[in-house]
Amino acid sequence: MVARLALCLLSALLATGGCLKCEHCRSADKVCSGEPQDCAPSQTACLILSSETRIGQEQKLGTYKGCTETKFCPPRSSSLSAAFGLRVRSAAKCCQRDLCNKGAVRLPRAQPKPSGLQCPGCLSEGTECQANETVTCLGPENHCVYFAGSITTGTRNYTYAVRGCATKSTCTSKVGVYKLPGVFTDIVITSECSPAPTPGPKQGT
């Protein structure tokens, strides 16, 4: 705490303004609320991030609020559909005023209609996977994506690879390191994103 205070004071003396304060909380729901948190000088944004992951009938929700560096701000809204019925929806907000991350964000619509587009799909616990099914794109998902990498959360580390349909906003996930302080570190080693092919005319019988 003393070291953090010293950094904030130094920041103020250098005329860069005081340290930002953000609401800080985590929950297994679409909303959460918590106490103010003093951000490190490099963390110039407050973040709200909510997500829902579904595989079949299984559903996991999560919300995080806290300080972040602006380069780690996620897209405001995104969704991804992949093999084995995996569907991920997320919504986020980054802002740069004290406690501006109060409230909640709204996830993309839960059951959008198929868009008529399709992409190759796969899902793996390794860092590679070959397309083994065709995924139907839903709602605004109009890009085919392939992401692979490793995630560290707490003391756990696991690798992943996924192909499927996604919104264009997911294309911001380039190769590199992404962090959510105290939550996870995502090292993306493969990032491919291209517009989903337009279906050709149906052949007559």
N, C-alpha and C. Protein backbone atom coordinates (compact mmCIF):
# COMPACT_ATOMS: atom_id res chain seq x y z
N MET A 1 0.83 -1.21 0.00
CA MET A 1 0.00 0.00 0.00
C MET A 1 0.86 1.25 0.00
N VAL A 2 1.96 1.26 0.83
CA VAL A 2 2.85 2.42 0.89
C VAL A 2 3.49 2.66 -0.48
N ALA A 3 3.93 1.57 -1.13
CA ALA A 3 4.57 1.70 -2.44
C ALA A 3 3.57 2.25 -3.46
N ARG A 4 2.34 1.77 -3.42
CA ARG A 4 1.32 2.24 -4.37
C ARG A 4 1.04 3.72 -4.14
N LEU A 5 0.96 4.13 -2.86
CA LEU A 5 0.71 5.53 -2.55
C LEU A 5 1.86 6.40 -3.06
N ALA A 6 3.08 5.90 -2.89
CA ALA A 6 4.25 6.64 -3.36
C ALA A 6 4.19 6.83 -4.87
N LEU A 7 3.79 5.79 -5.60
CA LEU A 7 3.67 5.90 -7.05
C LEU A 7 2.61 6.91 -7.44
N CYS A 8 1.50 6.92 -6.72
CA CYS A 8 0.44 7.89 -7.02
C CYS A 8 0.91 9.31 -6.76
N LEU A 9 1.62 9.50 -5.66
CA LEU A 9 2.13 10.83 -5.34
C LEU A 9 3.13 11.29 -6.38
N LEU A 10 4.00 10.37 -6.81
CA LEU A 10 4.97 10.71 -7.85
C LEU A 10 4.25 11.09 -9.14
N SER A 11 3.19 10.32 -9.47
CA SER A 11 2.41 10.61 -10.67
C SER A 11 1.82 12.01 -10.59
N ALA A 12 1.30 12.39 -9.42
CA ALA A 12 0.71 13.71 -9.25
C ALA A 12 1.76 14.80 -9.37
N LEU A 13 2.94 14.56 -8.79
CA LEU A 13 4.01 15.55 -8.85
C LEU A 13 4.49 15.77 -10.27
N LEU A 14 4.38 14.75 -11.10
CA LEU A 14 4.80 14.87 -12.48
C LEU A 14 3.69 15.45 -13.36
N ALA A 15 2.63 15.94 -12.71
CA ALA A 15 1.51 16.61 -13.40
C ALA A 15 0.76 15.70 -14.34
N THR A 16 0.74 14.41 -14.04
CA THR A 16 -0.03 13.48 -14.86
C THR A 16 -1.38 13.19 -14.22
N GLY A 17 -1.66 13.85 -13.11
CA GLY A 17 -2.93 13.64 -12.44
C GLY A 17 -2.82 12.54 -11.41
N GLY A 18 -3.83 12.46 -10.50
CA GLY A 18 -3.82 11.42 -9.49
C GLY A 18 -4.16 10.08 -10.08
N CYS A 19 -3.96 9.03 -9.25
CA CYS A 19 -4.27 7.69 -9.72
C CYS A 19 -5.79 7.52 -9.86
N LEU A 20 -6.19 6.79 -10.87
CA LEU A 20 -7.59 6.52 -11.13
C LEU A 20 -8.16 5.59 -10.07
N LYS A 21 -9.43 5.76 -9.75
CA LYS A 21 -10.14 4.85 -8.86
C LYS A 21 -11.23 4.14 -9.65
N CYS A 22 -11.32 2.82 -9.48
CA CYS A 22 -12.34 2.02 -10.18
C CYS A 22 -13.04 1.12 -9.19
N GLU A 23 -14.30 0.83 -9.47
CA GLU A 23 -15.00 -0.18 -8.68
C GLU A 23 -14.36 -1.53 -8.97
N HIS A 24 -14.21 -2.35 -7.93
CA HIS A 24 -13.54 -3.64 -8.08
C HIS A 24 -14.41 -4.76 -7.51
N CYS A 25 -14.68 -5.78 -8.34
CA CYS A 25 -15.46 -6.93 -7.88
C CYS A 25 -15.37 -8.05 -8.90
N ARG A 26 -15.76 -9.23 -8.47
CA ARG A 26 -15.89 -10.40 -9.34
C ARG A 26 -17.10 -11.20 -8.90
N SER A 27 -17.80 -11.81 -9.86
CA SER A 27 -18.94 -12.65 -9.50
C SER A 27 -19.22 -13.66 -10.60
N ALA A 28 -19.93 -14.72 -10.24
CA ALA A 28 -20.37 -15.72 -11.21
C ALA A 28 -21.79 -15.38 -11.64
N ASP A 29 -21.96 -14.14 -12.11
CA ASP A 29 -23.27 -13.64 -12.52
C ASP A 29 -23.06 -12.55 -13.56
N LYS A 30 -24.16 -11.93 -14.01
CA LYS A 30 -24.06 -10.86 -14.99
C LYS A 30 -23.77 -9.51 -14.36
N VAL A 31 -23.84 -9.43 -13.04
CA VAL A 31 -23.61 -8.17 -12.34
C VAL A 31 -22.75 -8.41 -11.11
N CYS A 32 -22.09 -7.35 -10.64
CA CYS A 32 -21.40 -7.39 -9.35
C CYS A 32 -21.16 -5.96 -8.90
N SER A 33 -20.91 -5.76 -7.63
CA SER A 33 -20.58 -4.45 -7.11
C SER A 33 -19.55 -4.62 -6.00
N GLY A 34 -18.69 -3.61 -5.84
CA GLY A 34 -17.63 -3.74 -4.85
C GLY A 34 -17.10 -2.38 -4.43
N GLU A 35 -15.97 -2.41 -3.73
CA GLU A 35 -15.36 -1.21 -3.19
C GLU A 35 -14.44 -0.53 -4.21
N PRO A 36 -14.16 0.76 -4.04
CA PRO A 36 -13.23 1.45 -4.92
C PRO A 36 -11.82 0.86 -4.81
N GLN A 37 -11.11 0.86 -5.90
CA GLN A 37 -9.75 0.34 -5.96
C GLN A 37 -8.85 1.43 -6.54
N ASP A 38 -7.69 1.66 -5.92
CA ASP A 38 -6.71 2.59 -6.47
C ASP A 38 -5.93 1.88 -7.57
N CYS A 39 -5.89 2.47 -8.75
CA CYS A 39 -5.20 1.85 -9.88
C CYS A 39 -3.72 2.21 -9.87
N ALA A 40 -2.92 1.35 -10.46
CA ALA A 40 -1.51 1.65 -10.68
C ALA A 40 -1.41 2.75 -11.73
N PRO A 41 -0.33 3.53 -11.73
CA PRO A 41 -0.21 4.62 -12.72
C PRO A 41 -0.36 4.17 -14.16
N SER A 42 0.05 2.93 -14.48
CA SER A 42 -0.07 2.44 -15.87
C SER A 42 -1.49 2.03 -16.23
N GLN A 43 -2.34 1.89 -15.22
CA GLN A 43 -3.72 1.46 -15.45
C GLN A 43 -4.61 2.70 -15.52
N THR A 44 -4.88 3.14 -16.73
CA THR A 44 -5.59 4.41 -16.93
C THR A 44 -7.04 4.22 -17.36
N ALA A 45 -7.58 3.01 -17.19
CA ALA A 45 -8.97 2.76 -17.57
C ALA A 45 -9.66 1.89 -16.51
N CYS A 46 -10.96 2.14 -16.34
CA CYS A 46 -11.81 1.27 -15.52
C CYS A 46 -12.55 0.32 -16.46
N LEU A 47 -12.71 -0.90 -16.05
CA LEU A 47 -13.28 -1.93 -16.92
C LEU A 47 -14.46 -2.62 -16.27
N ILE A 48 -15.49 -2.89 -17.08
CA ILE A 48 -16.53 -3.87 -16.76
C ILE A 48 -16.46 -4.93 -17.85
N LEU A 49 -16.41 -6.19 -17.48
CA LEU A 49 -16.41 -7.28 -18.46
C LEU A 49 -17.36 -8.37 -17.98
N SER A 50 -18.36 -8.69 -18.78
CA SER A 50 -19.28 -9.79 -18.48
C SER A 50 -19.25 -10.78 -19.63
N SER A 51 -19.35 -12.07 -19.30
CA SER A 51 -19.34 -13.08 -20.35
C SER A 51 -20.22 -14.26 -19.96
N GLU A 52 -20.65 -14.96 -20.99
CA GLU A 52 -21.42 -16.19 -20.80
C GLU A 52 -20.85 -17.23 -21.75
N THR A 53 -20.53 -18.39 -21.22
CA THR A 53 -20.03 -19.51 -22.02
C THR A 53 -21.00 -20.67 -21.90
N ARG A 54 -21.44 -21.19 -23.04
CA ARG A 54 -22.35 -22.33 -23.06
C ARG A 54 -21.77 -23.46 -23.90
N ILE A 55 -21.87 -24.67 -23.39
CA ILE A 55 -21.61 -25.88 -24.16
C ILE A 55 -22.76 -26.83 -23.87
N GLY A 56 -23.61 -27.02 -24.86
CA GLY A 56 -24.81 -27.83 -24.61
C GLY A 56 -25.69 -27.16 -23.58
N GLN A 57 -26.02 -27.88 -22.51
CA GLN A 57 -26.87 -27.35 -21.46
C GLN A 57 -26.07 -26.68 -20.35
N GLU A 58 -24.75 -26.78 -20.39
CA GLU A 58 -23.92 -26.18 -19.36
C GLU A 58 -23.72 -24.69 -19.64
N GLN A 59 -23.81 -23.89 -18.60
CA GLN A 59 -23.69 -22.45 -18.74
C GLN A 59 -22.81 -21.90 -17.61
N LYS A 60 -21.89 -21.01 -17.97
CA LYS A 60 -21.06 -20.33 -16.99
C LYS A 60 -21.10 -18.83 -17.26
N LEU A 61 -21.41 -18.08 -16.21
CA LEU A 61 -21.44 -16.63 -16.28
C LEU A 61 -20.29 -16.05 -15.47
N GLY A 62 -19.88 -14.85 -15.80
CA GLY A 62 -18.85 -14.20 -15.02
C GLY A 62 -18.82 -12.71 -15.30
N THR A 63 -18.56 -11.93 -14.26
CA THR A 63 -18.41 -10.48 -14.40
C THR A 63 -17.20 -10.04 -13.59
N TYR A 64 -16.43 -9.13 -14.18
CA TYR A 64 -15.27 -8.57 -13.50
C TYR A 64 -15.29 -7.06 -13.65
N LYS A 65 -14.96 -6.35 -12.58
CA LYS A 65 -14.77 -4.90 -12.63
C LYS A 65 -13.45 -4.57 -11.97
N GLY A 66 -12.73 -3.63 -12.57
CA GLY A 66 -11.47 -3.23 -11.96
C GLY A 66 -10.68 -2.32 -12.87
N CYS A 67 -9.41 -2.14 -12.51
CA CYS A 67 -8.49 -1.29 -13.27
C CYS A 67 -7.84 -2.09 -14.40
N THR A 68 -7.49 -1.42 -15.47
CA THR A 68 -6.77 -2.09 -16.55
C THR A 68 -5.98 -1.06 -17.36
N GLU A 69 -5.05 -1.55 -18.14
CA GLU A 69 -4.36 -0.71 -19.10
C GLU A 69 -5.24 -0.60 -20.35
N THR A 70 -5.25 0.55 -20.97
CA THR A 70 -6.14 0.75 -22.12
C THR A 70 -5.87 -0.24 -23.25
N LYS A 71 -4.62 -0.70 -23.40
CA LYS A 71 -4.31 -1.65 -24.47
C LYS A 71 -4.96 -3.01 -24.25
N PHE A 72 -5.44 -3.27 -23.02
CA PHE A 72 -6.09 -4.54 -22.74
C PHE A 72 -7.61 -4.43 -22.72
N CYS A 73 -8.14 -3.27 -23.10
CA CYS A 73 -9.60 -3.12 -23.13
C CYS A 73 -10.19 -4.03 -24.22
N PRO A 74 -11.13 -4.91 -23.87
CA PRO A 74 -11.73 -5.81 -24.86
C PRO A 74 -12.78 -5.10 -25.70
N PRO A 75 -13.25 -5.73 -26.78
CA PRO A 75 -14.31 -5.13 -27.59
C PRO A 75 -15.59 -4.94 -26.79
N ARG A 76 -16.39 -3.93 -27.17
CA ARG A 76 -17.61 -3.63 -26.42
C ARG A 76 -18.61 -4.77 -26.47
N SER A 77 -18.64 -5.50 -27.56
CA SER A 77 -19.59 -6.61 -27.70
C SER A 77 -19.02 -7.64 -28.67
N SER A 78 -19.13 -8.91 -28.33
CA SER A 78 -18.63 -9.95 -29.24
C SER A 78 -19.34 -11.27 -28.95
N SER A 79 -19.35 -12.13 -29.95
CA SER A 79 -19.86 -13.49 -29.75
C SER A 79 -19.11 -14.43 -30.67
N LEU A 80 -19.05 -15.69 -30.26
CA LEU A 80 -18.33 -16.73 -31.00
C LEU A 80 -19.10 -18.02 -30.89
N SER A 81 -19.23 -18.73 -32.01
CA SER A 81 -19.84 -20.06 -32.03
C SER A 81 -18.83 -21.03 -32.62
N ALA A 82 -18.65 -22.17 -31.97
CA ALA A 82 -17.63 -23.12 -32.42
C ALA A 82 -18.15 -24.54 -32.35
N ALA A 83 -17.25 -25.49 -32.48
CA ALA A 83 -17.60 -26.91 -32.48
C ALA A 83 -18.19 -27.34 -31.14
N PHE A 84 -18.88 -28.47 -31.16
CA PHE A 84 -19.49 -29.08 -29.97
C PHE A 84 -20.52 -28.16 -29.31
N GLY A 85 -21.09 -27.24 -30.08
CA GLY A 85 -22.12 -26.37 -29.53
C GLY A 85 -21.59 -25.27 -28.63
N LEU A 86 -20.28 -25.02 -28.66
CA LEU A 86 -19.73 -23.94 -27.83
C LEU A 86 -20.22 -22.58 -28.32
N ARG A 87 -20.68 -21.76 -27.40
CA ARG A 87 -21.10 -20.40 -27.72
C ARG A 87 -20.63 -19.47 -26.60
N VAL A 88 -19.93 -18.41 -26.98
CA VAL A 88 -19.42 -17.44 -26.01
C VAL A 88 -19.96 -16.06 -26.36
N ARG A 89 -20.58 -15.41 -25.40
CA ARG A 89 -21.05 -14.03 -25.56
C ARG A 89 -20.35 -13.16 -24.53
N SER A 90 -19.91 -11.97 -24.93
CA SER A 90 -19.29 -11.08 -23.96
C SER A 90 -19.61 -9.63 -24.27
N ALA A 91 -19.56 -8.81 -23.24
CA ALA A 91 -19.76 -7.38 -23.38
C ALA A 91 -18.82 -6.68 -22.42
N ALA A 92 -18.33 -5.52 -22.81
CA ALA A 92 -17.35 -4.81 -21.98
C ALA A 92 -17.52 -3.31 -22.11
N LYS A 93 -16.98 -2.61 -21.13
CA LYS A 93 -16.94 -1.15 -21.16
C LYS A 93 -15.65 -0.70 -20.52
N CYS A 94 -14.90 0.15 -21.20
CA CYS A 94 -13.71 0.79 -20.65
C CYS A 94 -13.98 2.29 -20.59
N CYS A 95 -13.61 2.92 -19.48
CA CYS A 95 -13.81 4.36 -19.33
C CYS A 95 -12.67 4.92 -18.48
N GLN A 96 -12.53 6.23 -18.45
CA GLN A 96 -11.33 6.82 -17.84
C GLN A 96 -11.65 7.91 -16.83
N ARG A 97 -12.73 7.71 -16.06
CA ARG A 97 -13.06 8.62 -14.97
C ARG A 97 -13.20 7.81 -13.69
N ASP A 98 -12.98 8.44 -12.56
CA ASP A 98 -13.10 7.73 -11.29
C ASP A 98 -14.45 7.05 -11.15
N LEU A 99 -14.42 5.77 -10.84
CA LEU A 99 -15.61 4.96 -10.55
C LEU A 99 -16.64 4.98 -11.69
N CYS A 100 -16.16 5.12 -12.92
CA CYS A 100 -17.07 5.16 -14.07
C CYS A 100 -17.53 3.76 -14.48
N ASN A 101 -17.00 2.72 -13.83
CA ASN A 101 -17.40 1.36 -14.20
C ASN A 101 -18.47 0.78 -13.27
N LYS A 102 -19.25 1.66 -12.66
CA LYS A 102 -20.41 1.18 -11.90
C LYS A 102 -21.50 0.73 -12.87
N GLY A 103 -22.46 -0.02 -12.38
CA GLY A 103 -23.54 -0.49 -13.24
C GLY A 103 -23.20 -1.81 -13.91
N ALA A 104 -23.76 -2.03 -15.09
CA ALA A 104 -23.60 -3.31 -15.77
C ALA A 104 -23.55 -3.08 -17.28
N VAL A 105 -23.13 -4.09 -18.00
CA VAL A 105 -23.17 -4.08 -19.46
C VAL A 105 -24.13 -5.17 -19.93
N ARG A 106 -24.65 -5.01 -21.13
CA ARG A 106 -25.65 -5.95 -21.64
C ARG A 106 -25.00 -6.91 -22.64
N LEU A 107 -25.16 -8.20 -22.39
CA LEU A 107 -24.62 -9.21 -23.30
C LEU A 107 -25.38 -9.19 -24.63
N PRO A 108 -24.73 -9.61 -25.74
CA PRO A 108 -25.44 -9.74 -27.01
C PRO A 108 -26.63 -10.68 -26.86
N ARG A 109 -27.59 -10.56 -27.74
CA ARG A 109 -28.82 -11.35 -27.68
C ARG A 109 -28.52 -12.84 -27.60
N ALA A 110 -29.24 -13.55 -26.73
CA ALA A 110 -28.91 -14.93 -26.39
C ALA A 110 -29.14 -15.91 -27.53
N GLN A 111 -30.21 -15.77 -28.27
CA GLN A 111 -30.53 -16.76 -29.29
C GLN A 111 -30.83 -16.09 -30.63
N PRO A 112 -29.81 -15.51 -31.25
CA PRO A 112 -30.05 -14.88 -32.55
C PRO A 112 -30.30 -15.93 -33.62
N LYS A 113 -30.89 -15.49 -34.73
CA LYS A 113 -31.17 -16.41 -35.83
C LYS A 113 -29.90 -16.70 -36.62
N PRO A 114 -29.84 -17.86 -37.26
CA PRO A 114 -28.71 -18.14 -38.16
C PRO A 114 -28.60 -17.08 -39.25
N SER A 115 -27.38 -16.71 -39.58
CA SER A 115 -27.17 -15.65 -40.58
C SER A 115 -27.10 -16.19 -42.00
N GLY A 116 -27.06 -17.52 -42.13
CA GLY A 116 -26.91 -18.12 -43.45
C GLY A 116 -25.45 -18.38 -43.81
N LEU A 117 -24.52 -17.92 -42.95
CA LEU A 117 -23.10 -18.14 -43.18
C LEU A 117 -22.62 -19.35 -42.39
N GLN A 118 -21.52 -19.93 -42.82
CA GLN A 118 -20.94 -21.09 -42.13
C GLN A 118 -19.42 -20.97 -42.13
N CYS A 119 -18.81 -21.60 -41.12
CA CYS A 119 -17.35 -21.61 -41.00
C CYS A 119 -16.88 -22.99 -40.54
N PRO A 120 -15.63 -23.34 -40.84
CA PRO A 120 -15.06 -24.58 -40.31
C PRO A 120 -15.00 -24.48 -38.78
N GLY A 121 -15.20 -25.61 -38.10
CA GLY A 121 -15.20 -25.59 -36.64
C GLY A 121 -14.36 -26.68 -36.02
N CYS A 122 -13.76 -26.37 -34.88
CA CYS A 122 -13.06 -27.37 -34.07
C CYS A 122 -12.82 -26.79 -32.69
N LEU A 123 -12.47 -27.65 -31.76
CA LEU A 123 -12.20 -27.25 -30.39
C LEU A 123 -11.21 -28.23 -29.80
N SER A 124 -10.14 -27.72 -29.18
CA SER A 124 -9.10 -28.61 -28.68
C SER A 124 -8.51 -28.07 -27.38
N GLU A 125 -8.02 -28.98 -26.54
CA GLU A 125 -7.30 -28.59 -25.32
C GLU A 125 -5.81 -28.42 -25.61
N GLY A 126 -5.41 -28.57 -26.87
CA GLY A 126 -4.05 -28.28 -27.28
C GLY A 126 -4.00 -26.96 -28.00
N THR A 127 -2.87 -26.66 -28.63
CA THR A 127 -2.72 -25.38 -29.33
C THR A 127 -2.93 -25.51 -30.83
N GLU A 128 -3.46 -26.66 -31.28
CA GLU A 128 -3.79 -26.84 -32.68
C GLU A 128 -5.07 -27.65 -32.79
N CYS A 129 -5.87 -27.39 -33.82
CA CYS A 129 -7.00 -28.26 -34.12
C CYS A 129 -7.37 -28.12 -35.58
N GLN A 130 -7.69 -29.24 -36.19
CA GLN A 130 -8.11 -29.28 -37.58
C GLN A 130 -9.63 -29.25 -37.65
N ALA A 131 -10.17 -28.54 -38.62
CA ALA A 131 -11.63 -28.44 -38.75
C ALA A 131 -12.25 -29.82 -38.88
N ASN A 132 -13.21 -30.12 -38.01
CA ASN A 132 -13.86 -31.43 -38.06
C ASN A 132 -15.38 -31.33 -38.13
N GLU A 133 -15.89 -30.10 -38.25
CA GLU A 133 -17.33 -29.93 -38.46
C GLU A 133 -17.58 -28.54 -39.04
N THR A 134 -18.79 -28.33 -39.49
CA THR A 134 -19.18 -27.03 -40.03
C THR A 134 -20.06 -26.32 -39.01
N VAL A 135 -19.72 -25.10 -38.70
CA VAL A 135 -20.44 -24.32 -37.69
C VAL A 135 -21.37 -23.33 -38.37
N THR A 136 -22.61 -23.27 -37.93
CA THR A 136 -23.58 -22.30 -38.43
C THR A 136 -23.41 -20.98 -37.68
N CYS A 137 -23.18 -19.90 -38.41
CA CYS A 137 -23.00 -18.58 -37.79
C CYS A 137 -24.34 -18.02 -37.34
N LEU A 138 -24.33 -17.34 -36.21
CA LEU A 138 -25.56 -16.81 -35.62
C LEU A 138 -25.53 -15.28 -35.57
N GLY A 139 -26.66 -14.66 -35.86
CA GLY A 139 -26.80 -13.22 -35.74
C GLY A 139 -25.70 -12.46 -36.47
N PRO A 140 -24.96 -11.59 -35.75
CA PRO A 140 -23.96 -10.74 -36.39
C PRO A 140 -22.61 -11.43 -36.63
N GLU A 141 -22.53 -12.74 -36.36
CA GLU A 141 -21.28 -13.45 -36.58
C GLU A 141 -21.06 -13.61 -38.09
N ASN A 142 -20.13 -12.86 -38.64
CA ASN A 142 -19.91 -12.89 -40.08
C ASN A 142 -18.44 -13.10 -40.46
N HIS A 143 -17.64 -13.58 -39.50
CA HIS A 143 -16.24 -13.87 -39.75
C HIS A 143 -15.90 -15.29 -39.29
N CYS A 144 -14.98 -15.92 -40.01
CA CYS A 144 -14.43 -17.22 -39.60
C CYS A 144 -13.13 -16.96 -38.85
N VAL A 145 -12.97 -17.57 -37.69
CA VAL A 145 -11.81 -17.31 -36.86
C VAL A 145 -11.11 -18.60 -36.44
N TYR A 146 -9.85 -18.46 -36.11
CA TYR A 146 -9.05 -19.56 -35.55
C TYR A 146 -8.12 -18.93 -34.52
N PHE A 147 -8.34 -19.25 -33.25
CA PHE A 147 -7.51 -18.74 -32.17
C PHE A 147 -6.87 -19.90 -31.42
N ALA A 148 -5.65 -19.72 -30.98
CA ALA A 148 -4.96 -20.73 -30.17
C ALA A 148 -3.99 -20.03 -29.24
N GLY A 149 -3.77 -20.64 -28.08
CA GLY A 149 -2.84 -20.05 -27.14
C GLY A 149 -2.90 -20.75 -25.80
N SER A 150 -2.53 -20.02 -24.75
CA SER A 150 -2.55 -20.58 -23.40
C SER A 150 -3.05 -19.52 -22.43
N ILE A 151 -3.78 -19.97 -21.44
CA ILE A 151 -4.34 -19.08 -20.42
C ILE A 151 -3.85 -19.51 -19.05
N THR A 152 -3.41 -18.54 -18.27
CA THR A 152 -3.04 -18.78 -16.87
C THR A 152 -4.02 -18.03 -15.99
N THR A 153 -4.65 -18.74 -15.09
CA THR A 153 -5.57 -18.13 -14.14
C THR A 153 -5.28 -18.70 -12.76
N GLY A 154 -4.86 -17.84 -11.84
CA GLY A 154 -4.43 -18.32 -10.54
C GLY A 154 -3.22 -19.22 -10.69
N THR A 155 -3.33 -20.44 -10.17
CA THR A 155 -2.24 -21.41 -10.30
C THR A 155 -2.46 -22.38 -11.46
N ARG A 156 -3.53 -22.19 -12.21
CA ARG A 156 -3.85 -23.10 -13.31
C ARG A 156 -3.38 -22.54 -14.65
N ASN A 157 -2.94 -23.45 -15.51
CA ASN A 157 -2.53 -23.07 -16.85
C ASN A 157 -3.08 -24.10 -17.82
N TYR A 158 -3.71 -23.64 -18.89
CA TYR A 158 -4.20 -24.59 -19.88
C TYR A 158 -4.10 -23.98 -21.27
N THR A 159 -4.02 -24.87 -22.27
CA THR A 159 -3.91 -24.44 -23.65
C THR A 159 -5.24 -24.65 -24.36
N TYR A 160 -5.40 -23.99 -25.51
CA TYR A 160 -6.66 -24.08 -26.24
C TYR A 160 -6.44 -23.81 -27.71
N ALA A 161 -7.36 -24.30 -28.51
CA ALA A 161 -7.46 -23.96 -29.93
C ALA A 161 -8.93 -24.03 -30.31
N VAL A 162 -9.39 -23.06 -31.08
CA VAL A 162 -10.81 -23.01 -31.43
C VAL A 162 -10.98 -22.41 -32.82
N ARG A 163 -11.84 -23.03 -33.63
CA ARG A 163 -12.25 -22.51 -34.93
C ARG A 163 -13.76 -22.36 -34.93
N GLY A 164 -14.24 -21.33 -35.60
CA GLY A 164 -15.68 -21.17 -35.69
C GLY A 164 -16.07 -19.83 -36.26
N CYS A 165 -17.32 -19.44 -35.99
CA CYS A 165 -17.87 -18.15 -36.43
C CYS A 165 -17.73 -17.13 -35.30
N ALA A 166 -17.55 -15.87 -35.66
CA ALA A 166 -17.45 -14.83 -34.65
C ALA A 166 -17.80 -13.47 -35.25
N THR A 167 -18.09 -12.53 -34.38
CA THR A 167 -18.30 -11.15 -34.82
C THR A 167 -16.96 -10.54 -35.21
N LYS A 168 -17.01 -9.53 -36.06
CA LYS A 168 -15.78 -8.88 -36.52
C LYS A 168 -14.97 -8.32 -35.35
N SER A 169 -15.64 -7.95 -34.27
CA SER A 169 -14.96 -7.36 -33.12
C SER A 169 -13.93 -8.30 -32.49
N THR A 170 -14.12 -9.63 -32.66
CA THR A 170 -13.16 -10.56 -32.08
C THR A 170 -11.82 -10.52 -32.82
N CYS A 171 -11.81 -9.93 -34.01
CA CYS A 171 -10.58 -9.88 -34.79
C CYS A 171 -9.54 -8.97 -34.15
N THR A 172 -9.92 -8.24 -33.08
CA THR A 172 -8.94 -7.41 -32.37
C THR A 172 -7.99 -8.26 -31.54
N SER A 173 -8.30 -9.56 -31.36
CA SER A 173 -7.43 -10.46 -30.58
C SER A 173 -6.26 -10.90 -31.45
N LYS A 174 -5.24 -10.08 -31.50
CA LYS A 174 -4.06 -10.39 -32.30
C LYS A 174 -3.11 -11.27 -31.49
N VAL A 175 -2.07 -11.79 -32.16
CA VAL A 175 -1.03 -12.54 -31.46
C VAL A 175 -0.37 -11.62 -30.43
N GLY A 176 -0.23 -12.11 -29.21
CA GLY A 176 0.37 -11.29 -28.15
C GLY A 176 -0.14 -11.69 -26.79
N VAL A 177 0.18 -10.90 -25.79
CA VAL A 177 -0.18 -11.19 -24.40
C VAL A 177 -1.28 -10.22 -23.95
N TYR A 178 -2.35 -10.79 -23.38
CA TYR A 178 -3.46 -10.00 -22.86
C TYR A 178 -3.65 -10.34 -21.38
N LYS A 179 -3.87 -9.31 -20.56
CA LYS A 179 -3.96 -9.54 -19.12
C LYS A 179 -5.19 -8.87 -18.53
N LEU A 180 -5.77 -9.52 -17.55
CA LEU A 180 -6.78 -8.92 -16.69
C LEU A 180 -6.22 -9.07 -15.28
N PRO A 181 -5.76 -7.98 -14.67
CA PRO A 181 -5.02 -8.07 -13.40
C PRO A 181 -5.72 -8.92 -12.35
N GLY A 182 -5.01 -9.92 -11.83
CA GLY A 182 -5.56 -10.76 -10.79
C GLY A 182 -6.57 -11.77 -11.26
N VAL A 183 -6.84 -11.82 -12.59
CA VAL A 183 -7.84 -12.75 -13.11
C VAL A 183 -7.20 -13.75 -14.07
N PHE A 184 -6.63 -13.28 -15.18
CA PHE A 184 -5.98 -14.22 -16.10
C PHE A 184 -4.97 -13.50 -16.97
N THR A 185 -4.08 -14.32 -17.56
CA THR A 185 -3.17 -13.88 -18.61
C THR A 185 -3.39 -14.80 -19.80
N ASP A 186 -3.67 -14.23 -20.96
CA ASP A 186 -3.93 -15.00 -22.17
C ASP A 186 -2.81 -14.73 -23.17
N ILE A 187 -2.06 -15.77 -23.52
CA ILE A 187 -1.00 -15.64 -24.51
C ILE A 187 -1.53 -16.21 -25.82
N VAL A 188 -1.87 -15.35 -26.76
CA VAL A 188 -2.41 -15.77 -28.06
C VAL A 188 -1.25 -16.03 -29.01
N ILE A 189 -1.15 -17.27 -29.51
CA ILE A 189 -0.05 -17.62 -30.42
C ILE A 189 -0.53 -17.78 -31.86
N THR A 190 -1.83 -17.96 -32.05
CA THR A 190 -2.41 -18.03 -33.39
C THR A 190 -3.67 -17.20 -33.43
N SER A 191 -3.78 -16.32 -34.41
CA SER A 191 -4.97 -15.49 -34.55
C SER A 191 -5.26 -15.29 -36.03
N GLU A 192 -6.31 -15.94 -36.51
CA GLU A 192 -6.71 -15.82 -37.91
C GLU A 192 -8.17 -15.39 -37.97
N CYS A 193 -8.45 -14.43 -38.82
CA CYS A 193 -9.81 -13.90 -38.92
C CYS A 193 -10.06 -13.45 -40.35
N SER A 194 -11.14 -13.95 -40.94
CA SER A 194 -11.47 -13.56 -42.32
C SER A 194 -12.98 -13.57 -42.49
N PRO A 195 -13.51 -12.77 -43.42
CA PRO A 195 -14.95 -12.77 -43.64
C PRO A 195 -15.46 -14.16 -44.02
N ALA A 196 -16.59 -14.54 -43.45
CA ALA A 196 -17.17 -15.84 -43.77
C ALA A 196 -17.60 -15.85 -45.24
N PRO A 197 -17.36 -16.95 -45.95
CA PRO A 197 -17.74 -17.00 -47.37
C PRO A 197 -19.24 -16.93 -47.56
N THR A 198 -19.64 -16.22 -48.58
CA THR A 198 -21.06 -16.12 -48.90
C THR A 198 -21.52 -17.42 -49.56
N PRO A 199 -22.61 -18.02 -49.10
CA PRO A 199 -23.08 -19.27 -49.69
C PRO A 199 -23.37 -19.10 -51.18
N GLY A 200 -23.01 -20.10 -51.95
CA GLY A 200 -23.31 -20.07 -53.38
C GLY A 200 -24.77 -20.44 -53.63
N PRO A 201 -25.26 -20.26 -54.84
CA PRO A 201 -26.65 -20.62 -55.15
C PRO A 201 -26.86 -22.12 -55.01
N LYS A 202 -28.04 -22.49 -54.53
CA LYS A 202 -28.36 -23.91 -54.37
C LYS A 202 -28.51 -24.58 -55.73
N GLN A 203 -27.98 -25.77 -55.80
CA GLN A 203 -28.09 -26.52 -57.05
C GLN A 203 -29.50 -27.11 -57.19
N GLY A 204 -30.06 -27.02 -58.37
CA GLY A 204 -31.38 -27.60 -58.60
C GLY A 204 -31.30 -29.10 -58.61
N THR A 205 -32.37 -29.74 -58.29
CA THR A 205 -32.41 -31.20 -58.29
C THR A 205 -32.96 -31.71 -59.61
